[in-house]
Amino acid sequence: MGRDTEKTKRLLLDSAREEFAQYGIAGARVNRIADNAGVNKERIYGHFGSKENLFNAVLAEAMAELRHTVRPGEGPVGEYVGRVFDYHSENPALLRLLMFEALHYGDRLADGDSRRAEWYRDASGSLADSTGFTESESRQLLLTLIGLGAWPNAMPQLARLALGSPSGEDEERGSLRSFLVAFAERATGS
């Protein structure tokens, strides 16, 4: 029984990630999630209770993946920006999920999960330790570095307009990544 339950949950989470990344919380449909997962929609309610709770589970899982991959304070500041850029280039769903969270909940967290806030506090603390910036400056630095690495992936149309070429081309993306890394290092004196 446990294996089938976990398999069903996994199918629902995978299907929901695609659905929420494409349509957001308000536009996502539990029927489509269930159909794409190949399960009865009642399994969504049985496992997660509601569409919002399913979104929270999808977002929590996506954030956990980010936390394990992108680690501030490890190595030069510029390389952190590079890791943020690479992560979001390879995993565009997370930025979309975060944008839909902001559209739906404003500045509140969808899940109220204190682990996310704690991770960002730890991340800014790691930056403070590695850069010598104050605690307040490190929080501002973290937001700025995330923005540098994430923005071109969050707004590919603006990247294309600003760069004057398709932002998806490997050579252009590599050049942009190199620029962002170097820029962050120069800006922070790293």
N, C-alpha and C. Protein backbone atom coordinates (compact mmCIF):
# COMPACT_ATOMS: atom_id res chain seq x y z
N MET A 1 0.82 -1.20 0.00
CA MET A 1 0.00 0.00 0.00
C MET A 1 0.86 1.26 0.00
N GLY A 2 1.93 1.30 0.79
CA GLY A 2 2.78 2.48 0.89
C GLY A 2 3.42 2.88 -0.41
N ARG A 3 3.85 1.88 -1.19
CA ARG A 3 4.52 2.19 -2.44
C ARG A 3 3.56 2.82 -3.45
N ASP A 4 2.34 2.28 -3.55
CA ASP A 4 1.35 2.84 -4.46
C ASP A 4 0.96 4.25 -4.04
N THR A 5 0.84 4.46 -2.74
CA THR A 5 0.51 5.78 -2.22
C THR A 5 1.61 6.78 -2.59
N GLU A 6 2.85 6.39 -2.39
CA GLU A 6 3.97 7.29 -2.72
C GLU A 6 4.05 7.52 -4.22
N LYS A 7 3.79 6.49 -5.00
CA LYS A 7 3.82 6.63 -6.47
C LYS A 7 2.73 7.61 -6.91
N THR A 8 1.53 7.45 -6.36
CA THR A 8 0.43 8.34 -6.71
C THR A 8 0.76 9.78 -6.32
N LYS A 9 1.30 9.94 -5.13
CA LYS A 9 1.69 11.28 -4.67
C LYS A 9 2.73 11.89 -5.60
N ARG A 10 3.71 11.08 -6.00
CA ARG A 10 4.76 11.56 -6.89
C ARG A 10 4.18 11.98 -8.24
N LEU A 11 3.28 11.16 -8.78
CA LEU A 11 2.64 11.50 -10.06
C LEU A 11 1.86 12.81 -9.95
N LEU A 12 1.16 12.97 -8.83
CA LEU A 12 0.39 14.21 -8.64
C LEU A 12 1.31 15.42 -8.50
N LEU A 13 2.38 15.29 -7.75
CA LEU A 13 3.31 16.42 -7.58
C LEU A 13 3.95 16.81 -8.91
N ASP A 14 4.35 15.82 -9.70
CA ASP A 14 4.97 16.12 -11.00
C ASP A 14 3.98 16.79 -11.94
N SER A 15 2.78 16.26 -11.99
CA SER A 15 1.75 16.85 -12.84
C SER A 15 1.38 18.25 -12.36
N ALA A 16 1.26 18.41 -11.04
CA ALA A 16 0.89 19.71 -10.48
C ALA A 16 1.97 20.75 -10.73
N ARG A 17 3.22 20.36 -10.67
CA ARG A 17 4.30 21.33 -10.92
C ARG A 17 4.15 21.93 -12.31
N GLU A 18 3.91 21.08 -13.28
CA GLU A 18 3.72 21.57 -14.65
C GLU A 18 2.48 22.45 -14.75
N GLU A 19 1.39 22.01 -14.16
CA GLU A 19 0.13 22.75 -14.22
C GLU A 19 0.25 24.12 -13.55
N PHE A 20 0.79 24.14 -12.33
CA PHE A 20 0.92 25.42 -11.61
C PHE A 20 1.92 26.34 -12.29
N ALA A 21 3.00 25.80 -12.83
CA ALA A 21 3.98 26.64 -13.51
C ALA A 21 3.40 27.25 -14.78
N GLN A 22 2.46 26.56 -15.39
CA GLN A 22 1.86 27.07 -16.61
C GLN A 22 0.68 28.00 -16.35
N TYR A 23 -0.15 27.66 -15.36
CA TYR A 23 -1.41 28.39 -15.17
C TYR A 23 -1.52 29.15 -13.85
N GLY A 24 -0.61 28.95 -12.92
CA GLY A 24 -0.72 29.58 -11.63
C GLY A 24 -1.73 28.88 -10.74
N ILE A 25 -1.91 29.43 -9.57
CA ILE A 25 -2.82 28.82 -8.60
C ILE A 25 -4.26 28.97 -9.07
N ALA A 26 -4.63 30.18 -9.46
CA ALA A 26 -6.02 30.43 -9.86
C ALA A 26 -6.38 29.69 -11.15
N GLY A 27 -5.46 29.60 -12.08
CA GLY A 27 -5.76 29.00 -13.37
C GLY A 27 -5.60 27.49 -13.42
N ALA A 28 -4.90 26.92 -12.48
CA ALA A 28 -4.68 25.47 -12.47
C ALA A 28 -6.00 24.75 -12.22
N ARG A 29 -6.15 23.61 -12.84
CA ARG A 29 -7.36 22.83 -12.69
C ARG A 29 -7.02 21.45 -12.15
N VAL A 30 -7.70 21.07 -11.06
CA VAL A 30 -7.44 19.76 -10.45
C VAL A 30 -7.77 18.62 -11.41
N ASN A 31 -8.76 18.81 -12.28
CA ASN A 31 -9.08 17.78 -13.26
C ASN A 31 -7.90 17.52 -14.19
N ARG A 32 -7.27 18.58 -14.67
CA ARG A 32 -6.10 18.42 -15.56
C ARG A 32 -4.94 17.77 -14.81
N ILE A 33 -4.71 18.21 -13.57
CA ILE A 33 -3.62 17.63 -12.78
C ILE A 33 -3.84 16.12 -12.63
N ALA A 34 -5.05 15.75 -12.24
CA ALA A 34 -5.36 14.34 -12.03
C ALA A 34 -5.28 13.57 -13.35
N ASP A 35 -5.84 14.12 -14.42
CA ASP A 35 -5.80 13.44 -15.72
C ASP A 35 -4.36 13.23 -16.18
N ASN A 36 -3.54 14.26 -16.07
CA ASN A 36 -2.13 14.14 -16.50
C ASN A 36 -1.35 13.18 -15.62
N ALA A 37 -1.75 13.05 -14.37
CA ALA A 37 -1.10 12.10 -13.46
C ALA A 37 -1.65 10.69 -13.64
N GLY A 38 -2.79 10.59 -14.32
CA GLY A 38 -3.41 9.28 -14.53
C GLY A 38 -4.09 8.73 -13.29
N VAL A 39 -4.59 9.64 -12.45
CA VAL A 39 -5.27 9.20 -11.22
C VAL A 39 -6.59 9.95 -11.06
N ASN A 40 -7.40 9.49 -10.15
CA ASN A 40 -8.68 10.12 -9.83
C ASN A 40 -8.42 11.43 -9.08
N LYS A 41 -9.18 12.46 -9.41
CA LYS A 41 -8.94 13.76 -8.76
C LYS A 41 -9.16 13.73 -7.25
N GLU A 42 -9.93 12.76 -6.78
CA GLU A 42 -10.14 12.64 -5.34
C GLU A 42 -8.82 12.35 -4.61
N ARG A 43 -7.85 11.79 -5.32
CA ARG A 43 -6.53 11.52 -4.71
C ARG A 43 -5.83 12.83 -4.35
N ILE A 44 -6.10 13.88 -5.07
CA ILE A 44 -5.53 15.19 -4.73
C ILE A 44 -6.01 15.60 -3.35
N TYR A 45 -7.31 15.49 -3.14
CA TYR A 45 -7.87 15.88 -1.86
C TYR A 45 -7.48 14.90 -0.76
N GLY A 46 -7.39 13.63 -1.11
CA GLY A 46 -6.98 12.63 -0.12
C GLY A 46 -5.55 12.82 0.35
N HIS A 47 -4.66 13.20 -0.56
CA HIS A 47 -3.25 13.38 -0.21
C HIS A 47 -2.91 14.78 0.28
N PHE A 48 -3.60 15.78 -0.29
CA PHE A 48 -3.19 17.16 -0.01
C PHE A 48 -4.28 18.03 0.62
N GLY A 49 -5.51 17.61 0.53
CA GLY A 49 -6.60 18.36 1.16
C GLY A 49 -7.22 19.42 0.29
N SER A 50 -6.41 20.14 -0.49
CA SER A 50 -6.94 21.20 -1.34
C SER A 50 -5.93 21.52 -2.44
N LYS A 51 -6.40 22.27 -3.42
CA LYS A 51 -5.52 22.71 -4.50
C LYS A 51 -4.41 23.60 -3.94
N GLU A 52 -4.74 24.47 -2.99
CA GLU A 52 -3.74 25.36 -2.40
C GLU A 52 -2.68 24.57 -1.65
N ASN A 53 -3.10 23.54 -0.92
CA ASN A 53 -2.12 22.70 -0.22
C ASN A 53 -1.23 21.94 -1.19
N LEU A 54 -1.79 21.54 -2.33
CA LEU A 54 -0.99 20.89 -3.36
C LEU A 54 0.03 21.88 -3.92
N PHE A 55 -0.40 23.12 -4.16
CA PHE A 55 0.54 24.15 -4.62
C PHE A 55 1.66 24.33 -3.59
N ASN A 56 1.29 24.39 -2.32
CA ASN A 56 2.28 24.56 -1.26
C ASN A 56 3.29 23.41 -1.28
N ALA A 57 2.81 22.19 -1.48
CA ALA A 57 3.71 21.03 -1.52
C ALA A 57 4.63 21.09 -2.73
N VAL A 58 4.11 21.51 -3.86
CA VAL A 58 4.92 21.66 -5.08
C VAL A 58 5.99 22.72 -4.86
N LEU A 59 5.59 23.86 -4.31
CA LEU A 59 6.53 24.95 -4.08
C LEU A 59 7.58 24.56 -3.04
N ALA A 60 7.18 23.90 -1.98
CA ALA A 60 8.13 23.46 -0.95
C ALA A 60 9.16 22.50 -1.54
N GLU A 61 8.70 21.59 -2.38
CA GLU A 61 9.63 20.64 -3.02
C GLU A 61 10.59 21.37 -3.96
N ALA A 62 10.09 22.31 -4.75
CA ALA A 62 10.94 23.06 -5.67
C ALA A 62 11.96 23.90 -4.90
N MET A 63 11.53 24.51 -3.79
CA MET A 63 12.46 25.30 -2.98
C MET A 63 13.52 24.42 -2.33
N ALA A 64 13.16 23.21 -1.93
CA ALA A 64 14.13 22.28 -1.35
C ALA A 64 15.20 21.92 -2.37
N GLU A 65 14.78 21.74 -3.62
CA GLU A 65 15.74 21.45 -4.69
C GLU A 65 16.70 22.62 -4.87
N LEU A 66 16.16 23.84 -4.85
CA LEU A 66 17.00 25.03 -4.96
C LEU A 66 18.00 25.10 -3.81
N ARG A 67 17.52 24.88 -2.59
CA ARG A 67 18.39 24.96 -1.41
C ARG A 67 19.56 23.99 -1.51
N HIS A 68 19.33 22.81 -2.07
CA HIS A 68 20.39 21.81 -2.17
C HIS A 68 21.38 22.11 -3.29
N THR A 69 20.95 22.91 -4.26
CA THR A 69 21.78 23.17 -5.43
C THR A 69 22.50 24.51 -5.36
N VAL A 70 21.80 25.53 -4.93
CA VAL A 70 22.33 26.90 -4.95
C VAL A 70 22.63 27.30 -3.51
N ARG A 71 23.89 27.41 -3.20
CA ARG A 71 24.29 27.67 -1.82
C ARG A 71 25.09 28.97 -1.72
N PRO A 72 24.49 30.01 -1.14
CA PRO A 72 25.23 31.26 -0.97
C PRO A 72 26.34 31.10 0.07
N GLY A 73 27.38 31.87 -0.09
CA GLY A 73 28.47 31.84 0.89
C GLY A 73 29.52 30.80 0.58
N GLU A 74 29.26 29.94 -0.39
CA GLU A 74 30.25 28.94 -0.81
C GLU A 74 30.97 29.48 -2.03
N GLY A 75 32.22 29.84 -1.86
CA GLY A 75 32.99 30.37 -2.98
C GLY A 75 32.71 31.84 -3.20
N PRO A 76 33.26 32.38 -4.27
CA PRO A 76 33.09 33.81 -4.56
C PRO A 76 31.62 34.18 -4.81
N VAL A 77 31.30 35.41 -4.50
CA VAL A 77 29.95 35.93 -4.69
C VAL A 77 29.50 35.78 -6.14
N GLY A 78 30.40 36.04 -7.06
CA GLY A 78 30.06 35.93 -8.48
C GLY A 78 29.63 34.52 -8.85
N GLU A 79 30.29 33.53 -8.29
CA GLU A 79 29.92 32.15 -8.60
C GLU A 79 28.54 31.81 -8.05
N TYR A 80 28.16 32.45 -6.94
CA TYR A 80 26.80 32.26 -6.43
C TYR A 80 25.80 32.77 -7.47
N VAL A 81 26.06 33.95 -8.03
CA VAL A 81 25.19 34.48 -9.08
C VAL A 81 25.15 33.52 -10.26
N GLY A 82 26.29 32.96 -10.61
CA GLY A 82 26.34 31.98 -11.69
C GLY A 82 25.50 30.75 -11.39
N ARG A 83 25.55 30.27 -10.14
CA ARG A 83 24.74 29.11 -9.76
C ARG A 83 23.25 29.44 -9.81
N VAL A 84 22.88 30.65 -9.37
CA VAL A 84 21.48 31.07 -9.46
C VAL A 84 21.04 31.11 -10.92
N PHE A 85 21.87 31.72 -11.76
CA PHE A 85 21.58 31.83 -13.19
C PHE A 85 21.41 30.44 -13.81
N ASP A 86 22.37 29.55 -13.53
CA ASP A 86 22.32 28.19 -14.09
C ASP A 86 21.09 27.44 -13.60
N TYR A 87 20.82 27.54 -12.30
CA TYR A 87 19.68 26.81 -11.75
C TYR A 87 18.39 27.21 -12.44
N HIS A 88 18.15 28.52 -12.55
CA HIS A 88 16.90 28.98 -13.13
C HIS A 88 16.86 28.78 -14.63
N SER A 89 18.01 28.75 -15.29
CA SER A 89 18.04 28.41 -16.72
C SER A 89 17.60 26.98 -16.94
N GLU A 90 18.04 26.10 -16.05
CA GLU A 90 17.74 24.67 -16.19
C GLU A 90 16.40 24.28 -15.55
N ASN A 91 15.88 25.11 -14.65
CA ASN A 91 14.65 24.80 -13.92
C ASN A 91 13.71 26.01 -13.93
N PRO A 92 13.18 26.37 -15.09
CA PRO A 92 12.36 27.59 -15.16
C PRO A 92 11.06 27.53 -14.37
N ALA A 93 10.61 26.35 -14.01
CA ALA A 93 9.33 26.25 -13.30
C ALA A 93 9.35 26.97 -11.96
N LEU A 94 10.46 26.93 -11.23
CA LEU A 94 10.49 27.54 -9.90
C LEU A 94 10.21 29.04 -9.96
N LEU A 95 10.84 29.75 -10.88
CA LEU A 95 10.58 31.19 -10.98
C LEU A 95 9.11 31.45 -11.30
N ARG A 96 8.55 30.65 -12.17
CA ARG A 96 7.13 30.83 -12.50
C ARG A 96 6.27 30.56 -11.27
N LEU A 97 6.59 29.51 -10.52
CA LEU A 97 5.83 29.21 -9.30
C LEU A 97 5.92 30.38 -8.31
N LEU A 98 7.12 30.94 -8.16
CA LEU A 98 7.30 32.06 -7.24
C LEU A 98 6.55 33.30 -7.71
N MET A 99 6.54 33.53 -9.02
CA MET A 99 5.79 34.68 -9.55
C MET A 99 4.29 34.49 -9.33
N PHE A 100 3.80 33.27 -9.56
CA PHE A 100 2.38 33.01 -9.32
C PHE A 100 2.05 33.11 -7.83
N GLU A 101 2.97 32.68 -6.98
CA GLU A 101 2.76 32.84 -5.54
C GLU A 101 2.59 34.32 -5.20
N ALA A 102 3.46 35.16 -5.77
CA ALA A 102 3.38 36.60 -5.50
C ALA A 102 2.09 37.20 -6.04
N LEU A 103 1.67 36.78 -7.21
CA LEU A 103 0.42 37.29 -7.77
C LEU A 103 -0.78 36.90 -6.90
N HIS A 104 -0.75 35.70 -6.37
CA HIS A 104 -1.89 35.20 -5.60
C HIS A 104 -1.87 35.66 -4.14
N TYR A 105 -0.68 35.68 -3.52
CA TYR A 105 -0.58 35.95 -2.09
C TYR A 105 0.08 37.29 -1.74
N GLY A 106 0.53 38.03 -2.74
CA GLY A 106 1.23 39.28 -2.45
C GLY A 106 2.56 39.01 -1.79
N ASP A 107 2.85 39.69 -0.69
CA ASP A 107 4.15 39.50 -0.03
C ASP A 107 4.11 38.40 1.04
N ARG A 108 2.98 37.71 1.16
CA ARG A 108 2.88 36.59 2.11
C ARG A 108 3.35 35.31 1.43
N LEU A 109 3.84 34.38 2.23
CA LEU A 109 4.21 33.07 1.70
C LEU A 109 2.96 32.21 1.57
N ALA A 110 2.88 31.46 0.49
CA ALA A 110 1.72 30.60 0.28
C ALA A 110 1.54 29.63 1.42
N ASP A 111 2.62 29.08 1.89
CA ASP A 111 2.54 28.02 2.88
C ASP A 111 2.87 28.48 4.29
N GLY A 112 3.32 29.70 4.46
CA GLY A 112 3.71 30.18 5.78
C GLY A 112 4.86 29.38 6.36
N ASP A 113 5.59 28.66 5.52
CA ASP A 113 6.68 27.78 5.95
C ASP A 113 7.86 28.59 6.47
N SER A 114 8.12 28.47 7.75
CA SER A 114 9.23 29.23 8.35
C SER A 114 10.58 28.73 7.86
N ARG A 115 10.63 27.52 7.28
CA ARG A 115 11.91 27.01 6.77
C ARG A 115 12.44 27.87 5.64
N ARG A 116 11.54 28.41 4.83
CA ARG A 116 11.99 29.28 3.74
C ARG A 116 12.62 30.54 4.29
N ALA A 117 11.94 31.18 5.24
CA ALA A 117 12.48 32.40 5.85
C ALA A 117 13.79 32.10 6.55
N GLU A 118 13.85 30.97 7.21
CA GLU A 118 15.08 30.57 7.90
C GLU A 118 16.22 30.35 6.91
N TRP A 119 15.92 29.74 5.77
CA TRP A 119 16.96 29.52 4.76
C TRP A 119 17.52 30.84 4.26
N TYR A 120 16.65 31.81 3.99
CA TYR A 120 17.12 33.11 3.51
C TYR A 120 17.93 33.84 4.59
N ARG A 121 17.53 33.71 5.85
CA ARG A 121 18.34 34.29 6.94
C ARG A 121 19.72 33.64 6.98
N ASP A 122 19.74 32.31 6.89
CA ASP A 122 21.02 31.60 6.88
C ASP A 122 21.86 31.98 5.66
N ALA A 123 21.20 32.14 4.52
CA ALA A 123 21.91 32.50 3.29
C ALA A 123 22.55 33.88 3.43
N SER A 124 21.81 34.84 3.98
CA SER A 124 22.40 36.17 4.15
C SER A 124 23.50 36.13 5.20
N GLY A 125 23.36 35.28 6.22
CA GLY A 125 24.41 35.11 7.21
C GLY A 125 25.67 34.53 6.59
N SER A 126 25.51 33.56 5.69
CA SER A 126 26.66 32.99 4.98
C SER A 126 27.35 34.04 4.14
N LEU A 127 26.56 34.89 3.51
CA LEU A 127 27.15 35.97 2.72
C LEU A 127 27.89 36.96 3.61
N ALA A 128 27.32 37.25 4.77
CA ALA A 128 27.99 38.16 5.71
C ALA A 128 29.34 37.58 6.11
N ASP A 129 29.35 36.29 6.41
CA ASP A 129 30.60 35.64 6.81
C ASP A 129 31.64 35.65 5.70
N SER A 130 31.20 35.44 4.45
CA SER A 130 32.15 35.33 3.35
C SER A 130 32.55 36.67 2.75
N THR A 131 31.75 37.72 2.99
CA THR A 131 32.06 39.01 2.36
C THR A 131 32.49 40.09 3.34
N GLY A 132 32.14 39.92 4.61
CA GLY A 132 32.42 40.97 5.58
C GLY A 132 31.38 42.06 5.61
N PHE A 133 30.31 41.92 4.84
CA PHE A 133 29.23 42.89 4.86
C PHE A 133 28.49 42.76 6.20
N THR A 134 27.81 43.83 6.60
CA THR A 134 27.00 43.76 7.82
C THR A 134 25.80 42.85 7.56
N GLU A 135 25.09 42.51 8.63
CA GLU A 135 23.91 41.67 8.51
C GLU A 135 22.87 42.31 7.59
N SER A 136 22.62 43.59 7.79
CA SER A 136 21.65 44.30 6.97
C SER A 136 22.11 44.38 5.51
N GLU A 137 23.37 44.70 5.30
CA GLU A 137 23.91 44.76 3.93
C GLU A 137 23.86 43.39 3.26
N SER A 138 24.11 42.34 4.02
CA SER A 138 24.09 40.99 3.45
C SER A 138 22.70 40.58 3.01
N ARG A 139 21.68 41.00 3.73
CA ARG A 139 20.31 40.71 3.29
C ARG A 139 20.03 41.43 1.97
N GLN A 140 20.46 42.69 1.90
CA GLN A 140 20.28 43.44 0.66
C GLN A 140 21.12 42.84 -0.47
N LEU A 141 22.32 42.41 -0.14
CA LEU A 141 23.19 41.78 -1.12
C LEU A 141 22.56 40.49 -1.64
N LEU A 142 22.01 39.67 -0.76
CA LEU A 142 21.37 38.43 -1.18
C LEU A 142 20.26 38.70 -2.18
N LEU A 143 19.40 39.64 -1.88
CA LEU A 143 18.30 39.97 -2.79
C LEU A 143 18.85 40.44 -4.14
N THR A 144 19.88 41.26 -4.10
CA THR A 144 20.48 41.78 -5.33
C THR A 144 21.10 40.66 -6.15
N LEU A 145 21.82 39.76 -5.51
CA LEU A 145 22.48 38.67 -6.22
C LEU A 145 21.46 37.70 -6.83
N ILE A 146 20.41 37.43 -6.07
CA ILE A 146 19.34 36.58 -6.61
C ILE A 146 18.74 37.25 -7.85
N GLY A 147 18.50 38.55 -7.74
CA GLY A 147 17.94 39.28 -8.87
C GLY A 147 18.85 39.23 -10.09
N LEU A 148 20.15 39.39 -9.88
CA LEU A 148 21.08 39.33 -11.01
C LEU A 148 21.01 37.99 -11.72
N GLY A 149 20.99 36.92 -10.95
CA GLY A 149 20.99 35.60 -11.55
C GLY A 149 19.63 35.15 -12.08
N ALA A 150 18.57 35.61 -11.44
CA ALA A 150 17.23 35.12 -11.79
C ALA A 150 16.53 35.96 -12.85
N TRP A 151 16.72 37.26 -12.83
CA TRP A 151 15.94 38.16 -13.69
C TRP A 151 15.98 37.79 -15.17
N PRO A 152 17.15 37.51 -15.76
CA PRO A 152 17.14 37.16 -17.19
C PRO A 152 16.31 35.92 -17.50
N ASN A 153 16.19 35.02 -16.53
CA ASN A 153 15.39 33.81 -16.72
C ASN A 153 13.92 34.06 -16.43
N ALA A 154 13.64 34.96 -15.50
CA ALA A 154 12.25 35.27 -15.16
C ALA A 154 11.58 36.08 -16.28
N MET A 155 12.36 36.91 -16.94
CA MET A 155 11.83 37.79 -17.98
C MET A 155 12.63 37.60 -19.28
N PRO A 156 12.47 36.45 -19.93
CA PRO A 156 13.28 36.18 -21.12
C PRO A 156 13.02 37.16 -22.26
N GLN A 157 11.81 37.70 -22.33
CA GLN A 157 11.52 38.66 -23.39
C GLN A 157 12.32 39.95 -23.18
N LEU A 158 12.51 40.37 -21.93
CA LEU A 158 13.31 41.56 -21.66
C LEU A 158 14.79 41.29 -21.93
N ALA A 159 15.23 40.09 -21.59
CA ALA A 159 16.61 39.71 -21.89
C ALA A 159 16.84 39.76 -23.40
N ARG A 160 15.89 39.26 -24.15
CA ARG A 160 16.03 39.28 -25.62
C ARG A 160 16.06 40.71 -26.14
N LEU A 161 15.18 41.55 -25.62
CA LEU A 161 15.15 42.95 -26.07
C LEU A 161 16.45 43.67 -25.70
N ALA A 162 16.89 43.50 -24.47
CA ALA A 162 18.09 44.21 -24.01
C ALA A 162 19.35 43.71 -24.70
N LEU A 163 19.42 42.41 -24.94
CA LEU A 163 20.61 41.83 -25.55
C LEU A 163 20.59 41.90 -27.07
N GLY A 164 19.41 42.12 -27.63
CA GLY A 164 19.31 42.24 -29.08
C GLY A 164 19.44 40.92 -29.81
N SER A 165 19.30 39.84 -29.09
CA SER A 165 19.37 38.53 -29.73
C SER A 165 18.56 37.55 -28.90
N PRO A 166 18.26 36.40 -29.47
CA PRO A 166 17.51 35.40 -28.69
C PRO A 166 18.29 35.02 -27.43
N SER A 167 17.66 35.19 -26.28
CA SER A 167 18.35 34.93 -25.01
C SER A 167 18.60 33.45 -24.77
N GLY A 168 18.02 32.59 -25.57
CA GLY A 168 18.19 31.17 -25.37
C GLY A 168 19.42 30.58 -26.04
N GLU A 169 20.09 31.35 -26.88
CA GLU A 169 21.27 30.84 -27.57
C GLU A 169 22.37 30.58 -26.56
N ASP A 170 22.98 29.39 -26.67
CA ASP A 170 24.00 28.97 -25.71
C ASP A 170 25.14 29.97 -25.58
N GLU A 171 25.63 30.47 -26.71
CA GLU A 171 26.76 31.41 -26.68
C GLU A 171 26.36 32.70 -25.96
N GLU A 172 25.19 33.22 -26.26
CA GLU A 172 24.72 34.45 -25.63
C GLU A 172 24.48 34.24 -24.13
N ARG A 173 23.89 33.11 -23.77
CA ARG A 173 23.64 32.82 -22.35
C ARG A 173 24.96 32.67 -21.61
N GLY A 174 25.93 32.02 -22.23
CA GLY A 174 27.25 31.88 -21.61
C GLY A 174 27.92 33.22 -21.41
N SER A 175 27.80 34.09 -22.40
CA SER A 175 28.38 35.43 -22.31
C SER A 175 27.69 36.23 -21.21
N LEU A 176 26.36 36.14 -21.14
CA LEU A 176 25.62 36.85 -20.09
C LEU A 176 25.99 36.31 -18.72
N ARG A 177 26.10 35.00 -18.57
CA ARG A 177 26.48 34.41 -17.29
C ARG A 177 27.86 34.93 -16.87
N SER A 178 28.81 34.94 -17.79
CA SER A 178 30.16 35.43 -17.48
C SER A 178 30.12 36.89 -17.05
N PHE A 179 29.32 37.68 -17.74
CA PHE A 179 29.20 39.09 -17.38
C PHE A 179 28.62 39.25 -15.98
N LEU A 180 27.56 38.51 -15.66
CA LEU A 180 26.91 38.62 -14.35
C LEU A 180 27.86 38.21 -13.23
N VAL A 181 28.62 37.14 -13.45
CA VAL A 181 29.58 36.68 -12.45
C VAL A 181 30.64 37.76 -12.21
N ALA A 182 31.21 38.28 -13.28
CA ALA A 182 32.24 39.31 -13.17
C ALA A 182 31.68 40.58 -12.55
N PHE A 183 30.47 40.96 -12.94
CA PHE A 183 29.84 42.16 -12.41
C PHE A 183 29.66 42.04 -10.89
N ALA A 184 29.14 40.90 -10.43
CA ALA A 184 28.91 40.69 -9.01
C ALA A 184 30.23 40.74 -8.24
N GLU A 185 31.27 40.16 -8.79
CA GLU A 185 32.57 40.19 -8.12
C GLU A 185 33.13 41.60 -8.04
N ARG A 186 33.02 42.35 -9.14
CA ARG A 186 33.49 43.75 -9.12
C ARG A 186 32.67 44.60 -8.14
N ALA A 187 31.37 44.41 -8.15
CA ALA A 187 30.48 45.22 -7.32
C ALA A 187 30.71 44.97 -5.84
N THR A 188 31.10 43.76 -5.48
CA THR A 188 31.30 43.43 -4.06
C THR A 188 32.75 43.44 -3.65
N GLY A 189 33.63 43.69 -4.62
CA GLY A 189 35.06 43.70 -4.30
C GLY A 189 35.61 42.32 -4.00
N SER A 190 34.93 41.27 -4.51
CA SER A 190 35.38 39.90 -4.25
C SER A 190 36.44 39.48 -5.26
